PDB file of N, CA and C in Angstrom:
ATOM      1  N   MET A   1       5.070   3.025 -11.485  1.00  0.00           N
ATOM      2  CA  MET A   1       3.767   2.406 -11.597  1.00  0.00           C
ATOM      3  C   MET A   1       3.889   0.909 -11.338  1.00  0.00           C
ATOM      4  N   LYS A   2       2.832   0.378 -10.750  1.00  0.00           N
ATOM      5  CA  LYS A   2       2.748  -1.056 -10.498  1.00  0.00           C
ATOM      6  C   LYS A   2       1.465  -1.585 -11.121  1.00  0.00           C
ATOM      7  N   LYS A   3       1.423  -2.898 -11.238  1.00  0.00           N
ATOM      8  CA  LYS A   3       0.255  -3.569 -11.798  1.00  0.00           C
ATOM      9  C   LYS A   3      -0.245  -4.588 -10.782  1.00  0.00           C
ATOM     10  N   THR A   4      -1.555  -4.643 -10.584  1.00  0.00           N
ATOM     11  CA  THR A   4      -2.132  -5.637  -9.699  1.00  0.00           C
ATOM     12  C   THR A   4      -3.399  -6.188 -10.325  1.00  0.00           C
ATOM     13  N   SER A   5      -3.804  -7.355  -9.870  1.00  0.00           N
ATOM     14  CA  SER A   5      -5.070  -7.951 -10.296  1.00  0.00           C
ATOM     15  C   SER A   5      -5.926  -8.202  -9.071  1.00  0.00           C
ATOM     16  N   LEU A   6      -7.213  -7.973  -9.222  1.00  0.00           N
ATOM     17  CA  LEU A   6      -8.167  -8.229  -8.152  1.00  0.00           C
ATOM     18  C   LEU A   6      -9.216  -9.207  -8.661  1.00  0.00           C
ATOM     19  N   TYR A   7      -9.559 -10.194  -7.840  1.00  0.00           N
ATOM     20  CA  TYR A   7     -10.605 -11.149  -8.167  1.00  0.00           C
ATOM     21  C   TYR A   7     -11.945 -10.512  -7.831  1.00  0.00           C
ATOM     22  N   LEU A   8     -12.882 -10.560  -8.771  1.00  0.00           N
ATOM     23  CA  LEU A   8     -14.172  -9.903  -8.607  1.00  0.00           C
ATOM     24  C   LEU A   8     -15.302 -10.912  -8.517  1.00  0.00           C
ATOM     25  N   THR A   9     -16.344 -10.577  -7.767  1.00  0.00           N
ATOM     26  CA  THR A   9     -17.543 -11.402  -7.715  1.00  0.00           C
ATOM     27  C   THR A   9     -18.770 -10.510  -7.837  1.00  0.00           C
ATOM     28  N   GLY A  10     -19.835 -11.084  -8.387  1.00  0.00           N
ATOM     29  CA  GLY A  10     -21.101 -10.380  -8.478  1.00  0.00           C
ATOM     30  C   GLY A  10     -21.334  -9.638  -9.772  1.00  0.00           C
ATOM     31  N   LEU A  11     -20.356  -9.589 -10.656  1.00  0.00           N
ATOM     32  CA  LEU A  11     -20.521  -8.880 -11.916  1.00  0.00           C
ATOM     33  C   LEU A  11     -21.203  -9.798 -12.927  1.00  0.00           C
ATOM     34  N   THR A  12     -22.243  -9.279 -13.577  1.00  0.00           N
ATOM     35  CA  THR A  12     -22.995 -10.100 -14.516  1.00  0.00           C
ATOM     36  C   THR A  12     -23.189  -9.461 -15.886  1.00  0.00           C
ATOM     37  N   CYS A  13     -22.823  -8.179 -16.025  1.00  0.00           N
ATOM     38  CA  CYS A  13     -23.099  -7.502 -17.296  1.00  0.00           C
ATOM     39  C   CYS A  13     -22.101  -6.369 -17.530  1.00  0.00           C
ATOM     40  N   ASP A  14     -22.227  -5.746 -18.698  1.00  0.00           N
ATOM     41  CA  ASP A  14     -21.328  -4.642 -19.039  1.00  0.00           C
ATOM     42  C   ASP A  14     -21.527  -3.431 -18.131  1.00  0.00           C
ATOM     43  N   ASN A  15     -22.741  -3.218 -17.637  1.00  0.00           N
ATOM     44  CA  ASN A  15     -22.978  -2.112 -16.720  1.00  0.00           C
ATOM     45  C   ASN A  15     -22.218  -2.327 -15.412  1.00  0.00           C
ATOM     46  N   CYS A  16     -22.175  -3.564 -14.943  1.00  0.00           N
ATOM     47  CA  CYS A  16     -21.405  -3.899 -13.735  1.00  0.00           C
ATOM     48  C   CYS A  16     -19.929  -3.559 -13.959  1.00  0.00           C
ATOM     49  N   VAL A  17     -19.438  -3.928 -15.123  1.00  0.00           N
ATOM     50  CA  VAL A  17     -18.033  -3.663 -15.463  1.00  0.00           C
ATOM     51  C   VAL A  17     -17.759  -2.168 -15.433  1.00  0.00           C
ATOM     52  N   ARG A  18     -18.631  -1.380 -16.066  1.00  0.00           N
ATOM     53  CA  ARG A  18     -18.443   0.083 -16.085  1.00  0.00           C
ATOM     54  C   ARG A  18     -18.450   0.657 -14.675  1.00  0.00           C
ATOM     55  N   THR A  19     -19.328   0.147 -13.828  1.00  0.00           N
ATOM     56  CA  THR A  19     -19.407   0.626 -12.452  1.00  0.00           C
ATOM     57  C   THR A  19     -18.092   0.396 -11.716  1.00  0.00           C
ATOM     58  N   VAL A  20     -17.528  -0.799 -11.858  1.00  0.00           N
ATOM     59  CA  VAL A  20     -16.267  -1.130 -11.188  1.00  0.00           C
ATOM     60  C   VAL A  20     -15.123  -0.303 -11.757  1.00  0.00           C
ATOM     61  N   VAL A  21     -15.025  -0.213 -13.071  1.00  0.00           N
ATOM     62  CA  VAL A  21     -13.949   0.564 -13.692  1.00  0.00           C
ATOM     63  C   VAL A  21     -14.032   2.023 -13.251  1.00  0.00           C
ATOM     64  N   ASN A  22     -15.225   2.597 -13.262  1.00  0.00           N
ATOM     65  CA  ASN A  22     -15.380   3.995 -12.839  1.00  0.00           C
ATOM     66  C   ASN A  22     -14.991   4.194 -11.382  1.00  0.00           C
ATOM     67  N   ALA A  23     -15.345   3.250 -10.524  1.00  0.00           N
ATOM     68  CA  ALA A  23     -14.968   3.350  -9.106  1.00  0.00           C
ATOM     69  C   ALA A  23     -13.454   3.328  -8.952  1.00  0.00           C
ATOM     70  N   LEU A  24     -12.803   2.471  -9.702  1.00  0.00           N
ATOM     71  CA  LEU A  24     -11.339   2.384  -9.623  1.00  0.00           C
ATOM     72  C   LEU A  24     -10.674   3.651 -10.148  1.00  0.00           C
ATOM     73  N   LEU A  25     -11.183   4.184 -11.248  1.00  0.00           N
ATOM     74  CA  LEU A  25     -10.560   5.367 -11.848  1.00  0.00           C
ATOM     75  C   LEU A  25     -10.722   6.623 -10.993  1.00  0.00           C
ATOM     76  N   LYS A  26     -11.658   6.613 -10.061  1.00  0.00           N
ATOM     77  CA  LYS A  26     -11.843   7.758  -9.151  1.00  0.00           C
ATOM     78  C   LYS A  26     -10.797   7.785  -8.039  1.00  0.00           C
ATOM     79  N   ILE A  27     -10.064   6.694  -7.862  1.00  0.00           N
ATOM     80  CA  ILE A  27      -9.069   6.621  -6.795  1.00  0.00           C
ATOM     81  C   ILE A  27      -7.805   7.343  -7.249  1.00  0.00           C
ATOM     82  N   GLU A  28      -7.333   8.259  -6.418  1.00  0.00           N
ATOM     83  CA  GLU A  28      -6.099   8.964  -6.738  1.00  0.00           C
ATOM     84  C   GLU A  28      -4.959   7.956  -6.843  1.00  0.00           C
ATOM     85  N   GLY A  29      -4.218   8.029  -7.934  1.00  0.00           N
ATOM     86  CA  GLY A  29      -3.093   7.139  -8.145  1.00  0.00           C
ATOM     87  C   GLY A  29      -3.383   6.003  -9.112  1.00  0.00           C
ATOM     88  N   VAL A  30      -4.661   5.757  -9.414  1.00  0.00           N
ATOM     89  CA  VAL A  30      -4.996   4.724 -10.395  1.00  0.00           C
ATOM     90  C   VAL A  30      -4.861   5.328 -11.784  1.00  0.00           C
ATOM     91  N   ASP A  31      -4.008   4.714 -12.590  1.00  0.00           N
ATOM     92  CA  ASP A  31      -3.757   5.193 -13.942  1.00  0.00           C
ATOM     93  C   ASP A  31      -4.708   4.566 -14.950  1.00  0.00           C
ATOM     94  N   SER A  32      -4.954   3.256 -14.810  1.00  0.00           N
ATOM     95  CA  SER A  32      -5.878   2.576 -15.708  1.00  0.00           C
ATOM     96  C   SER A  32      -6.464   1.358 -15.016  1.00  0.00           C
ATOM     97  N   ALA A  33      -7.647   0.957 -15.484  1.00  0.00           N
ATOM     98  CA  ALA A  33      -8.324  -0.209 -14.920  1.00  0.00           C
ATOM     99  C   ALA A  33      -9.067  -0.916 -16.040  1.00  0.00           C
ATOM    100  N   GLU A  34      -8.911  -2.224 -16.104  1.00  0.00           N
ATOM    101  CA  GLU A  34      -9.609  -3.038 -17.085  1.00  0.00           C
ATOM    102  C   GLU A  34     -10.203  -4.241 -16.381  1.00  0.00           C
ATOM    103  N   VAL A  35     -11.396  -4.625 -16.801  1.00  0.00           N
ATOM    104  CA  VAL A  35     -12.038  -5.821 -16.272  1.00  0.00           C
ATOM    105  C   VAL A  35     -12.105  -6.837 -17.395  1.00  0.00           C
ATOM    106  N   SER A  36     -11.749  -8.089 -17.083  1.00  0.00           N
ATOM    107  CA  SER A  36     -11.725  -9.141 -18.093  1.00  0.00           C
ATOM    108  C   SER A  36     -13.107  -9.407 -18.663  1.00  0.00           C
ATOM    109  N   ASN A  37     -13.143  -9.986 -19.844  1.00  0.00           N
ATOM    110  CA  ASN A  37     -14.403 -10.282 -20.520  1.00  0.00           C
ATOM    111  C   ASN A  37     -15.302 -11.199 -19.712  1.00  0.00           C
ATOM    112  N   ASP A  38     -14.732 -12.056 -18.899  1.00  0.00           N
ATOM    113  CA  ASP A  38     -15.558 -12.967 -18.107  1.00  0.00           C
ATOM    114  C   ASP A  38     -15.923 -12.372 -16.747  1.00  0.00           C
ATOM    115  N   TYR A  39     -15.562 -11.080 -16.509  1.00  0.00           N
ATOM    116  CA  TYR A  39     -15.960 -10.313 -15.322  1.00  0.00           C
ATOM    117  C   TYR A  39     -15.359 -10.812 -14.021  1.00  0.00           C
ATOM    118  N   GLU A  40     -14.365 -11.661 -14.074  1.00  0.00           N
ATOM    119  CA  GLU A  40     -13.821 -12.197 -12.831  1.00  0.00           C
ATOM    120  C   GLU A  40     -12.558 -11.496 -12.341  1.00  0.00           C
ATOM    121  N   TRP A  41     -11.895 -10.743 -13.205  1.00  0.00           N
ATOM    122  CA  TRP A  41     -10.639 -10.112 -12.808  1.00  0.00           C
ATOM    123  C   TRP A  41     -10.576  -8.670 -13.250  1.00  0.00           C
ATOM    124  N   ALA A  42     -10.029  -7.840 -12.397  1.00  0.00           N
ATOM    125  CA  ALA A  42      -9.702  -6.464 -12.762  1.00  0.00           C
ATOM    126  C   ALA A  42      -8.185  -6.343 -12.736  1.00  0.00           C
ATOM    127  N   THR A  43      -7.644  -5.716 -13.747  1.00  0.00           N
ATOM    128  CA  THR A  43      -6.214  -5.425 -13.808  1.00  0.00           C
ATOM    129  C   THR A  43      -6.062  -3.917 -13.693  1.00  0.00           C
ATOM    130  N   VAL A  44      -5.241  -3.496 -12.735  1.00  0.00           N
ATOM    131  CA  VAL A  44      -5.117  -2.073 -12.435  1.00  0.00           C
ATOM    132  C   VAL A  44      -3.653  -1.660 -12.464  1.00  0.00           C
ATOM    133  N   ILE A  45      -3.382  -0.547 -13.144  1.00  0.00           N
ATOM    134  CA  ILE A  45      -2.062   0.091 -13.133  1.00  0.00           C
ATOM    135  C   ILE A  45      -2.181   1.289 -12.202  1.00  0.00           C
ATOM    136  N   TYR A  46      -1.281   1.358 -11.222  1.00  0.00           N
ATOM    137  CA  TYR A  46      -1.417   2.397 -10.196  1.00  0.00           C
ATOM    138  C   TYR A  46      -0.061   2.839  -9.661  1.00  0.00           C
ATOM    139  N   ASP A  47      -0.083   3.987  -8.998  1.00  0.00           N
ATOM    140  CA  ASP A  47       1.095   4.535  -8.333  1.00  0.00           C
ATOM    141  C   ASP A  47       1.074   4.045  -6.883  1.00  0.00           C
ATOM    142  N   PRO A  48       2.021   3.197  -6.493  1.00  0.00           N
ATOM    143  CA  PRO A  48       2.004   2.644  -5.135  1.00  0.00           C
ATOM    144  C   PRO A  48       2.251   3.679  -4.038  1.00  0.00           C
ATOM    145  N   ASP A  49       2.710   4.852  -4.406  1.00  0.00           N
ATOM    146  CA  ASP A  49       2.882   5.913  -3.420  1.00  0.00           C
ATOM    147  C   ASP A  49       1.554   6.599  -3.089  1.00  0.00           C
ATOM    148  N   LEU A  50       0.543   6.401  -3.939  1.00  0.00           N
ATOM    149  CA  LEU A  50      -0.729   7.087  -3.750  1.00  0.00           C
ATOM    150  C   LEU A  50      -1.883   6.176  -3.342  1.00  0.00           C
ATOM    151  N   THR A  51      -1.807   4.904  -3.670  1.00  0.00           N
ATOM    152  CA  THR A  51      -2.891   3.989  -3.324  1.00  0.00           C
ATOM    153  C   THR A  51      -2.363   2.563  -3.209  1.00  0.00           C
ATOM    154  N   LYS A  52      -3.183   1.707  -2.646  1.00  0.00           N
ATOM    155  CA  LYS A  52      -2.814   0.301  -2.432  1.00  0.00           C
ATOM    156  C   LYS A  52      -3.964  -0.591  -2.904  1.00  0.00           C
ATOM    157  N   PRO A  53      -3.685  -1.840  -3.232  1.00  0.00           N
ATOM    158  CA  PRO A  53      -4.754  -2.756  -3.671  1.00  0.00           C
ATOM    159  C   PRO A  53      -5.897  -2.898  -2.673  1.00  0.00           C
ATOM    160  N   ASP A  54      -5.619  -2.839  -1.384  1.00  0.00           N
ATOM    161  CA  ASP A  54      -6.691  -2.928  -0.394  1.00  0.00           C
ATOM    162  C   ASP A  54      -7.690  -1.779  -0.544  1.00  0.00           C
ATOM    163  N   GLU A  55      -7.197  -0.593  -0.874  1.00  0.00           N
ATOM    164  CA  GLU A  55      -8.077   0.553  -1.081  1.00  0.00           C
ATOM    165  C   GLU A  55      -8.943   0.344  -2.323  1.00  0.00           C
ATOM    166  N   MET A  56      -8.365  -0.279  -3.337  1.00  0.00           N
ATOM    167  CA  MET A  56      -9.122  -0.570  -4.555  1.00  0.00           C
ATOM    168  C   MET A  56     -10.243  -1.559  -4.253  1.00  0.00           C
ATOM    169  N   ALA A  57      -9.935  -2.587  -3.483  1.00  0.00           N
ATOM    170  CA  ALA A  57     -10.947  -3.582  -3.120  1.00  0.00           C
ATOM    171  C   ALA A  57     -12.079  -2.927  -2.340  1.00  0.00           C
ATOM    172  N   LYS A  58     -11.756  -2.021  -1.433  1.00  0.00           N
ATOM    173  CA  LYS A  58     -12.786  -1.332  -0.650  1.00  0.00           C
ATOM    174  C   LYS A  58     -13.678  -0.479  -1.549  1.00  0.00           C
ATOM    175  N   ALA A  59     -13.094   0.180  -2.543  1.00  0.00           N
ATOM    176  CA  ALA A  59     -13.871   1.005  -3.463  1.00  0.00           C
ATOM    177  C   ALA A  59     -14.818   0.136  -4.282  1.00  0.00           C
ATOM    178  N   ILE A  60     -14.366  -1.032  -4.693  1.00  0.00           N
ATOM    179  CA  ILE A  60     -15.229  -1.948  -5.446  1.00  0.00           C
ATOM    180  C   ILE A  60     -16.350  -2.460  -4.549  1.00  0.00           C
ATOM    181  N   GLU A  61     -16.008  -2.842  -3.345  1.00  0.00           N
ATOM    182  CA  GLU A  61     -17.017  -3.353  -2.414  1.00  0.00           C
ATOM    183  C   GLU A  61     -18.061  -2.288  -2.084  1.00  0.00           C
ATOM    184  N   ALA A  62     -17.667  -1.026  -2.092  1.00  0.00           N
ATOM    185  CA  ALA A  62     -18.609   0.067  -1.827  1.00  0.00           C
ATOM    186  C   ALA A  62     -19.650   0.188  -2.935  1.00  0.00           C
ATOM    187  N   THR A  63     -19.369  -0.352  -4.121  1.00  0.00           N
ATOM    188  CA  THR A  63     -20.340  -0.319  -5.225  1.00  0.00           C
ATOM    189  C   THR A  63     -21.272  -1.523  -5.181  1.00  0.00           C
ATOM    190  N   GLY A  64     -21.024  -2.453  -4.248  1.00  0.00           N
ATOM    191  CA  GLY A  64     -21.901  -3.598  -4.100  1.00  0.00           C
ATOM    192  C   GLY A  64     -21.371  -4.899  -4.669  1.00  0.00           C
ATOM    193  N   TYR A  65     -20.153  -4.891  -5.171  1.00  0.00           N
ATOM    194  CA  TYR A  65     -19.545  -6.092  -5.736  1.00  0.00           C
ATOM    195  C   TYR A  65     -18.443  -6.596  -4.811  1.00  0.00           C
ATOM    196  N   GLY A  66     -18.044  -7.834  -4.984  1.00  0.00           N
ATOM    197  CA  GLY A  66     -16.982  -8.400  -4.180  1.00  0.00           C
ATOM    198  C   GLY A  66     -15.641  -8.228  -4.853  1.00  0.00           C
ATOM    199  N   ALA A  67     -14.587  -8.091  -4.047  1.00  0.00           N
ATOM    200  CA  ALA A  67     -13.230  -7.961  -4.577  1.00  0.00           C
ATOM    201  C   ALA A  67     -12.230  -8.515  -3.581  1.00  0.00           C
ATOM    202  N   GLU A  68     -11.264  -9.264  -4.089  1.00  0.00           N
ATOM    203  CA  GLU A  68     -10.176  -9.803  -3.269  1.00  0.00           C
ATOM    204  C   GLU A  68      -8.868  -9.478  -3.943  1.00  0.00           C
ATOM    205  N   VAL A  69      -7.890  -9.105  -3.144  1.00  0.00           N
ATOM    206  CA  VAL A  69      -6.561  -8.781  -3.655  1.00  0.00           C
ATOM    207  C   VAL A  69      -5.823 -10.079  -3.928  1.00  0.00           C
TER     208      VAL A  69
END
């Protein structure tokens, strides 16, 4: 397992946080995902053989929020 952080934009509330966390947890290989209290960072534990941070960013962007690796 590896750990990565993604910079997030556009999150303003707890519902936004849940949306991002749920999107990340749907990705095969993601073990856990947490978004910081200030909504600017997501920390993800994942299997690097199954997914990559770029895929996580794309999944977040598909929900309407910004993400940078």
